Amino acid sequence: MALHFVTPDATAASAGSVVALTGAEAKHAAVVRRVRLGEPITLGDGSGVWLEGEVASAAPALVEVRILSRREEPRPDPRILLAQALAKGDRDELAVQAACELGVDEIVPWQATRSVSRWDGAKAGKGRERWASIVREAAKQAHRAWIPEVADVETTGDLARRAATQRVLILDPTAPAALSALIPDERDIVLVVGPEGGIAPEEIERLVAAGAERVLLGSTVLRTSTAGPAAIAVLNVARGRW
């Protein structure tokens, strides 16, 4: 499979034009991946544009790609969102990376009551930037035409307000209904995954009161790093993405 790179210059490119990769993308292509003249390569802008081309020149500071074809992928509709509770260590980041590879359309950092990690003040911006970087690299690795958005960190109240227009599903090991039995509708789905200690009862009550649904993922209790990606895989099948 051809190597894939992301550049904003892909937005206006068309068959026959030449797109230049510079900076970190050029160095990664020429030095790390060692692309060669004539090698097939794909480019995108992260917003649906997909280009197929071949390497016209390769140097650490500049890689030129001659475009052979262009297409535009529509934005997924309805979308799958992951409201991932902040977790200690890198468990939340592992969830974000895998979710992106599996096709999630937006990541929502959630400051849950039991989250050990706290995004306060300037740390909120840095945390979002870190997650956005993880998402970008995972999307490139997975050859995705759309790079998922990363929202600002949200509270339980914020998630409750989403239930007015989106289908909010709480992954709960005590829920009576299985996620696999869910009948999809046209609303975006927001999967809510708790931190290591689980979702606090009062948070579940608040979300359910706002219209959220509790769903069971399986007969075992998954880590916060694996629950979201596993649920996305189930929804991919239910919605015909896979």
Protein backbone atom coordinates (compact mmCIF):
# COMPACT_ATOMS: atom_id res chain seq x y z
CA MET A 1 0.00 0.00 0.00
CA ALA A 2 1.28 3.48 -0.91
CA LEU A 3 2.55 5.72 1.89
CA HIS A 4 0.11 8.44 2.95
CA PHE A 5 0.87 12.04 3.96
CA VAL A 6 -1.25 15.03 4.94
CA THR A 7 -0.80 18.58 3.70
CA PRO A 8 -3.16 21.56 3.40
CA ASP A 9 -1.88 22.04 -0.17
CA ALA A 10 -3.84 18.94 -1.15
CA THR A 11 -7.09 20.91 -0.95
CA ALA A 12 -6.58 22.76 -4.24
CA ALA A 13 -4.53 20.12 -6.07
CA SER A 14 -5.77 18.25 -9.14
CA ALA A 15 -4.52 15.65 -11.61
CA GLY A 16 -1.41 16.91 -13.37
CA SER A 17 -0.35 19.34 -10.66
CA VAL A 18 2.63 18.97 -8.33
CA VAL A 19 2.26 19.15 -4.55
CA ALA A 20 5.25 19.97 -2.37
CA LEU A 21 5.79 18.39 1.02
CA THR A 22 7.95 20.51 3.30
CA GLY A 23 8.96 20.63 6.94
CA ALA A 24 8.26 17.59 9.09
CA GLU A 25 6.27 15.80 6.37
CA ALA A 26 9.13 16.08 3.88
CA LYS A 27 11.69 14.88 6.41
CA HIS A 28 9.49 11.96 7.38
CA ALA A 29 8.97 11.00 3.73
CA ALA A 30 12.58 11.39 2.56
CA VAL A 31 14.59 10.47 5.66
CA VAL A 32 12.39 8.12 7.69
CA ARG A 33 10.37 6.38 4.97
CA ARG A 34 13.04 6.83 2.27
CA VAL A 35 10.66 7.44 -0.64
CA ARG A 36 12.15 7.06 -4.10
CA LEU A 37 11.50 8.67 -7.48
CA GLY A 38 8.42 7.21 -9.13
CA GLU A 39 7.18 5.60 -5.92
CA PRO A 40 3.37 5.70 -5.57
CA ILE A 41 2.15 7.93 -2.75
CA THR A 42 -1.18 9.26 -1.50
CA LEU A 43 -1.91 12.69 -0.07
CA GLY A 44 -4.84 14.24 1.74
CA ASP A 45 -5.85 17.44 3.50
CA GLY A 46 -7.62 15.68 6.38
CA SER A 47 -10.96 17.07 5.22
CA GLY A 48 -11.99 14.58 2.56
CA VAL A 49 -9.60 15.27 -0.33
CA TRP A 50 -7.74 12.15 -1.49
CA LEU A 51 -4.93 12.33 -4.03
CA GLU A 52 -2.97 9.57 -5.71
CA GLY A 53 0.41 10.43 -7.17
CA GLU A 54 4.06 9.54 -7.54
CA VAL A 55 7.25 10.99 -6.14
CA ALA A 56 8.81 13.49 -8.59
CA SER A 57 11.73 14.53 -6.37
CA ALA A 58 12.87 13.66 -2.87
CA ALA A 59 15.10 15.60 -0.46
CA PRO A 60 14.95 16.06 3.33
CA ALA A 61 13.61 19.61 2.99
CA LEU A 62 11.36 19.11 -0.04
CA VAL A 63 9.48 16.17 -1.54
CA GLU A 64 7.49 16.85 -4.71
CA VAL A 65 4.55 14.64 -5.65
CA ARG A 66 3.04 14.61 -9.15
CA ILE A 67 -0.73 14.10 -8.81
CA LEU A 68 -2.30 11.41 -10.98
CA SER A 69 -5.88 11.44 -9.69
CA ARG A 70 -8.16 13.19 -7.21
CA ARG A 71 -11.36 12.27 -5.42
CA GLU A 72 -13.30 13.68 -2.48
CA GLU A 73 -14.68 11.47 0.27
CA PRO A 74 -17.91 12.72 1.89
CA ARG A 75 -17.89 13.38 5.62
CA PRO A 76 -19.32 10.33 7.47
CA ASP A 77 -22.98 10.83 8.35
CA PRO A 78 -24.16 9.98 10.92
CA ARG A 79 -20.96 10.19 12.92
CA ILE A 80 -19.48 8.16 15.77
CA LEU A 81 -18.00 10.18 18.62
CA LEU A 82 -15.98 8.93 21.59
CA ALA A 83 -16.33 10.77 24.90
CA GLN A 84 -13.20 9.37 26.56
CA ALA A 85 -12.70 10.03 30.25
CA LEU A 86 -9.28 11.35 31.16
CA ALA A 87 -7.20 8.55 32.65
CA LYS A 88 -3.84 8.21 34.32
CA GLY A 89 -0.71 7.20 32.45
CA ASP A 90 -1.26 6.78 28.75
CA ARG A 91 -4.46 4.74 28.89
CA ASP A 92 -6.64 7.51 27.51
CA GLU A 93 -4.12 8.18 24.75
CA LEU A 94 -4.11 4.49 23.79
CA ALA A 95 -7.90 4.66 23.53
CA VAL A 96 -7.73 7.76 21.35
CA GLN A 97 -5.16 6.22 19.01
CA ALA A 98 -7.03 2.95 18.53
CA ALA A 99 -10.40 4.70 18.17
CA CYS A 100 -8.98 6.83 15.37
CA GLU A 101 -7.59 3.79 13.55
CA LEU A 102 -11.00 2.10 13.84
CA GLY A 103 -12.91 5.02 12.33
CA VAL A 104 -14.14 7.35 15.08
CA ASP A 105 -15.22 10.75 13.73
CA GLU A 106 -14.65 12.96 16.78
CA ILE A 107 -12.93 12.65 20.14
CA VAL A 108 -14.37 14.38 23.20
CA PRO A 109 -12.04 14.56 26.24
CA TRP A 110 -14.23 14.08 29.32
CA GLN A 111 -13.29 15.33 32.79
CA ALA A 112 -15.14 12.65 34.75
CA THR A 113 -15.58 12.75 38.51
CA ARG A 114 -13.28 9.78 39.02
CA SER A 115 -10.63 10.88 36.52
CA VAL A 116 -7.24 10.88 38.21
CA SER A 117 -5.81 13.07 35.46
CA ARG A 118 -7.03 16.67 35.58
CA TRP A 119 -6.96 19.15 32.71
CA ASP A 120 -7.03 22.44 34.58
CA GLY A 121 -6.11 25.86 33.19
CA ALA A 122 -3.33 25.81 30.62
CA LYS A 123 -3.13 22.04 30.91
CA ALA A 124 -6.46 21.75 29.06
CA GLY A 125 -5.04 23.34 25.94
CA LYS A 126 -1.85 21.29 26.06
CA GLY A 127 -3.82 18.09 26.59
CA ARG A 128 -6.07 18.79 23.62
CA GLU A 129 -3.05 19.53 21.44
CA ARG A 130 -1.45 16.26 22.52
CA TRP A 131 -4.58 14.28 21.66
CA ALA A 132 -4.91 16.10 18.31
CA SER A 133 -1.33 15.11 17.45
CA ILE A 134 -2.06 11.47 18.32
CA VAL A 135 -5.22 11.57 16.19
CA ARG A 136 -3.40 13.10 13.22
CA GLU A 137 -0.67 10.46 13.22
CA ALA A 138 -3.16 7.60 13.73
CA ALA A 139 -5.31 8.90 10.85
CA LYS A 140 -2.27 9.00 8.56
CA GLN A 141 -1.31 5.48 9.57
CA ALA A 142 -4.85 4.26 8.89
CA HIS A 143 -5.03 6.11 5.53
CA ARG A 144 -8.10 8.11 6.47
CA ALA A 145 -9.44 10.87 4.23
CA TRP A 146 -10.97 12.66 7.24
CA ILE A 147 -8.93 13.40 10.35
CA PRO A 148 -11.21 13.25 13.41
CA GLU A 149 -11.78 16.44 15.35
CA VAL A 150 -10.73 16.73 19.00
CA ALA A 151 -13.15 18.83 21.05
CA ASP A 152 -12.31 20.96 24.06
CA VAL A 153 -12.45 19.08 27.35
CA GLU A 154 -16.07 18.65 28.50
CA THR A 155 -17.82 18.13 31.82
CA THR A 156 -20.63 15.72 32.57
CA GLY A 157 -23.03 18.63 32.12
CA ASP A 158 -21.67 19.22 28.64
CA LEU A 159 -22.24 15.56 27.74
CA ALA A 160 -25.78 15.74 29.13
CA ARG A 161 -26.55 18.67 26.84
CA ARG A 162 -25.38 16.63 23.84
CA ALA A 163 -28.22 14.18 24.51
CA ALA A 164 -30.69 16.76 23.20
CA THR A 165 -29.50 16.23 19.62
CA GLN A 166 -27.17 13.22 19.70
CA ARG A 167 -27.62 9.63 20.82
CA VAL A 168 -25.50 9.35 23.95
CA LEU A 169 -24.62 5.76 24.89
CA ILE A 170 -23.03 5.04 28.26
CA LEU A 171 -20.86 1.92 28.31
CA ASP A 172 -22.00 0.33 31.55
CA PRO A 173 -21.20 -3.29 32.61
CA THR A 174 -24.49 -3.40 34.55
CA ALA A 175 -26.70 -2.17 31.68
CA PRO A 176 -29.67 -4.38 30.70
CA ALA A 177 -29.37 -3.88 26.92
CA ALA A 178 -26.45 -4.98 24.74
CA LEU A 179 -24.77 -2.53 22.38
CA SER A 180 -24.85 -5.21 19.67
CA ALA A 181 -28.67 -5.21 19.84
CA LEU A 182 -28.90 -1.47 19.30
CA ILE A 183 -31.01 -0.37 16.35
CA PRO A 184 -29.17 2.56 14.71
CA ASP A 185 -31.02 5.72 13.75
CA GLU A 186 -29.92 8.90 11.96
CA ARG A 187 -28.46 10.63 15.01
CA ASP A 188 -24.76 10.91 15.72
CA ILE A 189 -23.69 8.44 18.41
CA VAL A 190 -21.63 9.54 21.40
CA LEU A 191 -19.97 6.64 23.22
CA VAL A 192 -19.25 7.53 26.85
CA VAL A 193 -16.31 5.66 28.40
CA GLY A 194 -15.43 6.10 32.06
CA PRO A 195 -12.01 6.27 33.73
CA GLU A 196 -10.24 3.45 35.60
CA GLY A 197 -12.62 3.63 38.55
CA GLY A 198 -15.71 3.59 36.38
CA ILE A 199 -18.43 6.18 35.92
CA ALA A 200 -19.82 7.58 39.16
CA PRO A 201 -23.49 6.66 39.84
CA GLU A 202 -24.51 10.30 40.00
CA GLU A 203 -22.96 10.90 36.57
CA ILE A 204 -24.93 8.01 35.08
CA GLU A 205 -28.11 9.34 36.67
CA ARG A 206 -27.54 12.82 35.28
CA LEU A 207 -26.84 11.54 31.78
CA VAL A 208 -29.80 9.15 31.77
CA ALA A 209 -32.08 11.94 33.00
CA ALA A 210 -30.96 13.98 30.00
CA GLY A 211 -31.83 11.17 27.59
CA ALA A 212 -28.70 9.03 27.46
CA GLU A 213 -28.93 5.23 27.26
CA ARG A 214 -26.94 2.64 29.19
CA VAL A 215 -25.56 -0.18 27.02
CA LEU A 216 -23.66 -3.37 27.75
CA LEU A 217 -20.57 -4.08 25.68
CA GLY A 218 -20.00 -7.67 26.74
CA SER A 219 -19.78 -10.13 29.62
CA THR A 220 -16.37 -8.86 30.75
CA VAL A 221 -15.23 -5.52 32.13
CA LEU A 222 -12.81 -3.85 29.72
CA ARG A 223 -10.11 -1.32 30.53
CA THR A 224 -10.76 2.33 29.73
CA SER A 225 -8.15 2.00 26.97
CA THR A 226 -10.01 -0.80 25.16
CA ALA A 227 -13.72 -0.24 25.84
CA GLY A 228 -14.17 2.61 23.37
CA PRO A 229 -12.34 0.98 20.45
CA ALA A 230 -14.24 -2.28 21.04
CA ALA A 231 -17.57 -0.41 20.97
CA ILE A 232 -16.60 1.41 17.78
CA ALA A 233 -15.91 -1.95 16.13
CA VAL A 234 -19.42 -3.11 17.09
CA LEU A 235 -20.98 0.06 15.66
CA ASN A 236 -18.95 -0.23 12.47
CA VAL A 237 -20.65 -3.55 11.78
CA ALA A 238 -24.12 -2.33 12.86
CA ARG A 239 -23.91 0.71 10.59
CA GLY A 240 -22.46 -1.14 7.63
CA ARG A 241 -19.10 0.61 7.71
CA TRP A 242 -17.40 -2.78 7.83
